[in-house]
């Protein structure tokens, strides 16, 4: 019992035997792992392996069929927005998910919606403290000079930085980054990953980032988890992921 109590306190997030099916297709098959505060984890796997489904189940956007997640000492709810731990889990998406007609600042303030009365969010009447914090988040991602610029006038890399600032505005314990560099060129991609790694280290936030590029995972991650056909097949320090392990992870599934 004592060992279990220590484990709860030292993990930012624990996934326990999470499973999910869509009809006959198994998306997740008993996935279990833990994230430590301040850890940057690269999640690798071929398309359709279950990475996005895992993130959506943890964030409460999908309901897991069985198993669950523990955020610190809090058991997460399940299904359609109920499982994000009161904003303590933030998501960063591949396609940014910004409101184009709103400014960068207003998009970041959306990260405060879970912490303010609903009427303030509807009317966008945020307190001075929330506005100052949102500006601070923009400064953290080098976007303060673009605070009043509409989101649809930003470049792809700038949009992703604003999306990360919005995640920071939630004051999360965990950030789930679902292929955040898929729409960016390699130079911009490296900057985004360096930013996420810095946030993990400086803010003591656990960051798990789904990637396709092994080279990026090795360079920026503390640890790499590999998922294939809904199962964890690799979990080790980033330096321990050799080419042979990567080939096994991405090899074509053949049926006889």
Protein backbone atom coordinates (compact mmCIF):
# COMPACT_ATOMS: atom_id res chain seq x y z
CA UNK A 1 0.00 0.00 0.00
CA UNK A 2 2.81 2.43 0.86
CA UNK A 3 4.52 1.84 -2.49
CA UNK A 4 1.24 2.57 -4.29
CA UNK A 5 0.81 5.86 -2.42
CA UNK A 6 4.30 6.99 -3.43
CA UNK A 7 3.54 6.08 -7.05
CA UNK A 8 0.41 8.23 -7.07
CA UNK A 9 2.27 11.22 -5.70
CA UNK A 10 5.23 11.01 -8.09
CA UNK A 11 3.19 10.60 -11.29
CA UNK A 12 1.47 13.52 -12.98
CA UNK A 13 -0.71 11.12 -14.99
CA UNK A 14 -1.24 7.37 -14.88
CA UNK A 15 -3.05 5.42 -17.61
CA UNK A 16 -4.36 2.09 -16.39
CA UNK A 17 -5.43 -0.67 -18.82
CA UNK A 18 -7.28 1.74 -21.15
CA UNK A 19 -9.18 0.04 -23.97
CA UNK A 20 -11.36 1.41 -26.77
CA UNK A 21 -13.11 -0.17 -29.75
CA UNK A 22 -14.91 1.34 -32.71
CA UNK A 23 -17.16 -1.45 -33.89
CA UNK A 24 -14.89 -4.38 -34.73
CA UNK A 25 -11.74 -2.24 -34.81
CA UNK A 26 -9.62 -2.24 -31.68
CA UNK A 27 -8.16 1.24 -31.21
CA UNK A 28 -6.65 0.72 -27.73
CA UNK A 29 -5.97 -2.63 -26.10
CA UNK A 30 -5.14 -2.34 -22.40
CA UNK A 31 -2.76 0.63 -22.62
CA UNK A 32 -0.91 1.42 -19.36
CA UNK A 33 1.88 3.90 -18.60
CA UNK A 34 2.69 6.85 -16.33
CA UNK A 35 4.03 10.36 -16.88
CA UNK A 36 6.18 12.19 -14.34
CA UNK A 37 6.01 15.95 -13.72
CA UNK A 38 8.49 17.77 -15.95
CA UNK A 39 8.89 14.82 -18.32
CA UNK A 40 8.75 15.23 -22.10
CA UNK A 41 7.59 11.99 -23.72
CA UNK A 42 7.53 11.33 -27.45
CA UNK A 43 4.69 9.03 -28.54
CA UNK A 44 5.61 7.18 -31.73
CA UNK A 45 3.59 4.87 -33.90
CA UNK A 46 2.27 4.40 -37.43
CA UNK A 47 -0.94 6.06 -38.59
CA UNK A 48 -3.94 4.32 -37.06
CA UNK A 49 -1.91 2.94 -34.15
CA UNK A 50 -4.19 4.58 -31.57
CA UNK A 51 -2.26 7.72 -30.62
CA UNK A 52 -5.06 10.22 -31.22
CA UNK A 53 -7.66 7.91 -29.66
CA UNK A 54 -5.49 7.64 -26.55
CA UNK A 55 -5.28 11.43 -26.27
CA UNK A 56 -9.00 11.88 -26.82
CA UNK A 57 -9.86 9.32 -24.15
CA UNK A 58 -7.50 10.90 -21.63
CA UNK A 59 -8.90 14.37 -22.38
CA UNK A 60 -12.49 13.14 -22.04
CA UNK A 61 -13.38 13.74 -25.70
CA UNK A 62 -14.03 10.01 -26.13
CA UNK A 63 -15.23 7.47 -23.60
CA UNK A 64 -12.88 4.56 -22.94
CA UNK A 65 -14.61 1.17 -22.93
CA UNK A 66 -12.57 0.04 -19.94
CA UNK A 67 -9.64 1.16 -17.83
CA UNK A 68 -9.04 4.78 -17.02
CA UNK A 69 -6.68 7.54 -16.00
CA UNK A 70 -5.50 9.05 -12.75
CA UNK A 71 -4.37 12.69 -12.65
CA UNK A 72 -2.33 12.98 -9.49
CA UNK A 73 -4.81 11.63 -6.95
CA UNK A 74 -7.88 12.47 -9.05
CA UNK A 75 -9.63 9.77 -11.08
CA UNK A 76 -10.66 11.31 -14.38
CA UNK A 77 -14.24 11.15 -15.55
CA UNK A 78 -15.09 9.75 -18.97
CA UNK A 79 -16.86 10.95 -22.04
CA UNK A 80 -17.25 14.18 -23.98
CA UNK A 81 -15.31 16.78 -22.07
CA UNK A 82 -15.80 15.42 -18.56
CA UNK A 83 -12.36 13.95 -18.17
CA UNK A 84 -9.87 16.81 -18.44
CA UNK A 85 -9.46 17.19 -14.68
CA UNK A 86 -11.02 20.63 -14.49
CA UNK A 87 -8.62 22.05 -17.06
CA UNK A 88 -5.53 20.40 -15.58
CA UNK A 89 -5.07 18.53 -18.87
CA UNK A 90 -4.54 20.77 -21.91
CA UNK A 91 -4.45 19.72 -25.55
CA UNK A 92 -2.45 21.10 -28.47
CA UNK A 93 -3.82 20.03 -31.86
CA UNK A 94 -2.27 19.45 -35.28
CA UNK A 95 -4.57 22.01 -36.92
CA UNK A 96 -4.25 24.60 -34.11
CA UNK A 97 -8.02 24.82 -33.31
CA UNK A 98 -7.96 28.62 -33.02
CA UNK A 99 -10.92 30.93 -33.68
CA UNK A 100 -9.78 32.74 -36.82
CA UNK A 101 -11.77 35.96 -36.29
CA UNK A 102 -10.44 36.45 -32.75
CA UNK A 103 -7.11 37.98 -31.81
CA UNK A 104 -4.21 35.93 -30.51
CA UNK A 105 -4.93 37.31 -27.03
CA UNK A 106 -8.61 36.34 -27.13
CA UNK A 107 -7.68 32.84 -28.29
CA UNK A 108 -5.30 32.49 -25.35
CA UNK A 109 -7.96 33.78 -22.96
CA UNK A 110 -10.09 30.81 -24.05
CA UNK A 111 -7.70 28.78 -21.92
CA UNK A 112 -9.13 30.53 -18.85
CA UNK A 113 -12.76 29.55 -19.58
CA UNK A 114 -12.68 26.64 -17.15
CA UNK A 115 -11.60 28.93 -14.33
CA UNK A 116 -14.09 31.79 -14.70
CA UNK A 117 -17.90 32.13 -14.46
CA UNK A 118 -19.64 31.15 -17.70
CA UNK A 119 -21.03 34.65 -18.34
CA UNK A 120 -17.53 36.12 -18.39
CA UNK A 121 -16.51 33.66 -21.08
CA UNK A 122 -19.61 34.32 -23.21
CA UNK A 123 -19.16 38.09 -23.05
CA UNK A 124 -15.34 37.83 -23.11
CA UNK A 125 -15.23 39.93 -19.94
CA UNK A 126 -12.11 38.55 -18.38
CA UNK A 127 -10.51 40.05 -15.30
CA UNK A 128 -7.38 42.17 -15.51
CA UNK A 129 -5.53 39.35 -13.79
CA UNK A 130 -6.61 36.84 -16.46
CA UNK A 131 -5.67 39.26 -19.25
CA UNK A 132 -2.26 39.89 -17.75
CA UNK A 133 -1.69 36.16 -17.38
CA UNK A 134 -2.72 35.57 -21.00
CA UNK A 135 -0.23 38.23 -22.09
CA UNK A 136 2.41 36.49 -20.00
CA UNK A 137 1.61 33.21 -21.78
CA UNK A 138 2.01 34.92 -25.16
CA UNK A 139 5.33 36.32 -24.02
CA UNK A 140 6.44 32.82 -23.02
CA UNK A 141 5.94 31.63 -26.61
CA UNK A 142 7.46 34.79 -28.20
CA UNK A 143 4.09 36.02 -29.52
CA UNK A 144 3.43 39.05 -27.32
CA UNK A 145 3.99 41.43 -30.27
CA UNK A 146 1.10 39.68 -32.08
CA UNK A 147 -1.39 39.82 -29.19
CA UNK A 148 -3.94 41.94 -31.07
CA UNK A 149 -3.48 40.27 -34.46
CA UNK A 150 -6.31 38.10 -35.80
CA UNK A 151 -5.52 34.40 -35.79
CA UNK A 152 -6.25 34.02 -39.50
CA UNK A 153 -3.41 36.46 -40.27
CA UNK A 154 -0.79 34.41 -38.46
CA UNK A 155 1.57 31.90 -40.06
CA UNK A 156 1.31 28.21 -39.22
CA UNK A 157 4.17 28.34 -36.76
CA UNK A 158 2.73 31.45 -35.10
CA UNK A 159 -0.68 29.80 -34.79
CA UNK A 160 0.83 26.80 -33.06
CA UNK A 161 2.65 29.06 -30.63
CA UNK A 162 -0.64 30.78 -29.79
CA UNK A 163 -2.23 27.36 -29.31
CA UNK A 164 0.54 26.44 -26.88
CA UNK A 165 0.03 29.74 -25.04
CA UNK A 166 -3.68 28.87 -24.76
CA UNK A 167 -2.70 25.53 -23.22
CA UNK A 168 -0.40 27.33 -20.76
CA UNK A 169 -3.27 29.63 -19.80
CA UNK A 170 -5.08 26.61 -18.35
CA UNK A 171 -2.24 26.19 -15.83
CA UNK A 172 -2.19 22.47 -16.65
CA UNK A 173 -0.40 19.59 -15.01
CA UNK A 174 -0.30 17.68 -18.32
CA UNK A 175 -0.14 18.78 -21.95
CA UNK A 176 -1.23 16.36 -24.68
CA UNK A 177 0.27 17.50 -28.00
CA UNK A 178 -1.36 15.57 -30.88
CA UNK A 179 1.04 15.75 -33.85
CA UNK A 180 1.68 19.48 -33.24
CA UNK A 181 4.34 19.75 -35.95
CA UNK A 182 2.63 17.78 -38.72
CA UNK A 183 1.66 20.97 -40.60
CA UNK A 184 5.03 22.71 -40.16
CA UNK A 185 8.32 22.64 -42.02
CA UNK A 186 11.31 21.07 -40.23
CA UNK A 187 12.79 24.38 -39.03
CA UNK A 188 9.55 25.56 -37.46
CA UNK A 189 8.89 22.06 -36.13
CA UNK A 190 12.14 22.07 -34.17
CA UNK A 191 11.24 25.40 -32.59
CA UNK A 192 7.84 24.13 -31.46
CA UNK A 193 9.32 20.99 -29.93
CA UNK A 194 12.04 23.00 -28.17
CA UNK A 195 9.31 25.25 -26.76
CA UNK A 196 7.27 22.30 -25.46
CA UNK A 197 10.35 20.72 -23.94
CA UNK A 198 11.20 24.01 -22.20
CA UNK A 199 7.66 24.26 -20.79
CA UNK A 200 7.96 20.72 -19.42
CA UNK A 201 11.23 21.55 -17.71
CA UNK A 202 10.54 25.09 -16.47
CA UNK A 203 6.88 24.62 -15.44
CA UNK A 204 7.27 21.03 -14.23
CA UNK A 205 4.45 20.02 -16.60
CA UNK A 206 4.28 16.51 -18.04
CA UNK A 207 4.17 16.76 -21.85
CA UNK A 208 3.38 13.83 -24.14
CA UNK A 209 3.75 14.61 -27.83
CA UNK A 210 2.76 12.29 -30.67
CA UNK A 211 5.30 12.29 -33.49
CA UNK A 212 6.13 10.41 -36.66
CA UNK A 213 9.78 11.48 -36.95
CA UNK A 214 12.17 9.31 -34.94
CA UNK A 215 14.91 11.93 -35.24
CA UNK A 216 12.77 14.55 -33.49
CA UNK A 217 11.76 12.07 -30.80
CA UNK A 218 15.40 11.25 -30.07
CA UNK A 219 16.47 14.90 -30.02
CA UNK A 220 13.74 16.42 -27.84
CA UNK A 221 12.24 13.63 -25.75
CA UNK A 222 13.34 12.35 -22.38
CA UNK A 223 11.52 9.10 -23.05
CA UNK A 224 9.83 7.42 -26.00
CA UNK A 225 6.68 5.31 -25.94
CA UNK A 226 5.84 3.31 -29.05
CA UNK A 227 2.28 2.24 -29.81
CA UNK A 228 1.26 -0.23 -32.49
CA UNK A 229 -2.21 -1.65 -33.19
CA UNK A 230 -3.46 -0.15 -29.93
CA UNK A 231 -0.76 -1.70 -27.73
CA UNK A 232 2.37 -0.30 -26.08
CA UNK A 233 5.31 -2.09 -27.69
CA UNK A 234 8.14 0.24 -26.66
CA UNK A 235 8.84 2.32 -23.55
CA UNK A 236 12.40 3.48 -22.88
CA UNK A 237 14.75 6.45 -22.64
CA UNK A 238 14.93 8.32 -25.94
CA UNK A 239 18.63 7.46 -26.26
CA UNK A 240 17.72 3.76 -26.19
CA UNK A 241 15.56 3.82 -29.33
CA UNK A 242 17.74 2.33 -32.05
CA UNK A 243 16.93 1.94 -35.73
CA UNK A 244 16.00 -1.72 -35.28
CA UNK A 245 13.38 -0.87 -32.65
CA UNK A 246 11.97 1.83 -34.91
CA UNK A 247 11.77 -0.57 -37.85
CA UNK A 248 9.82 -3.07 -35.74
CA UNK A 249 7.45 -0.31 -34.66
CA UNK A 250 6.71 0.84 -38.20
CA UNK A 251 7.01 -2.43 -40.13
CA UNK A 252 4.06 -3.28 -42.35
CA UNK A 253 1.50 -5.64 -40.84
CA UNK A 254 1.07 -8.63 -43.13
CA UNK A 255 -1.73 -11.15 -43.08
CA UNK A 256 -1.46 -14.65 -44.31
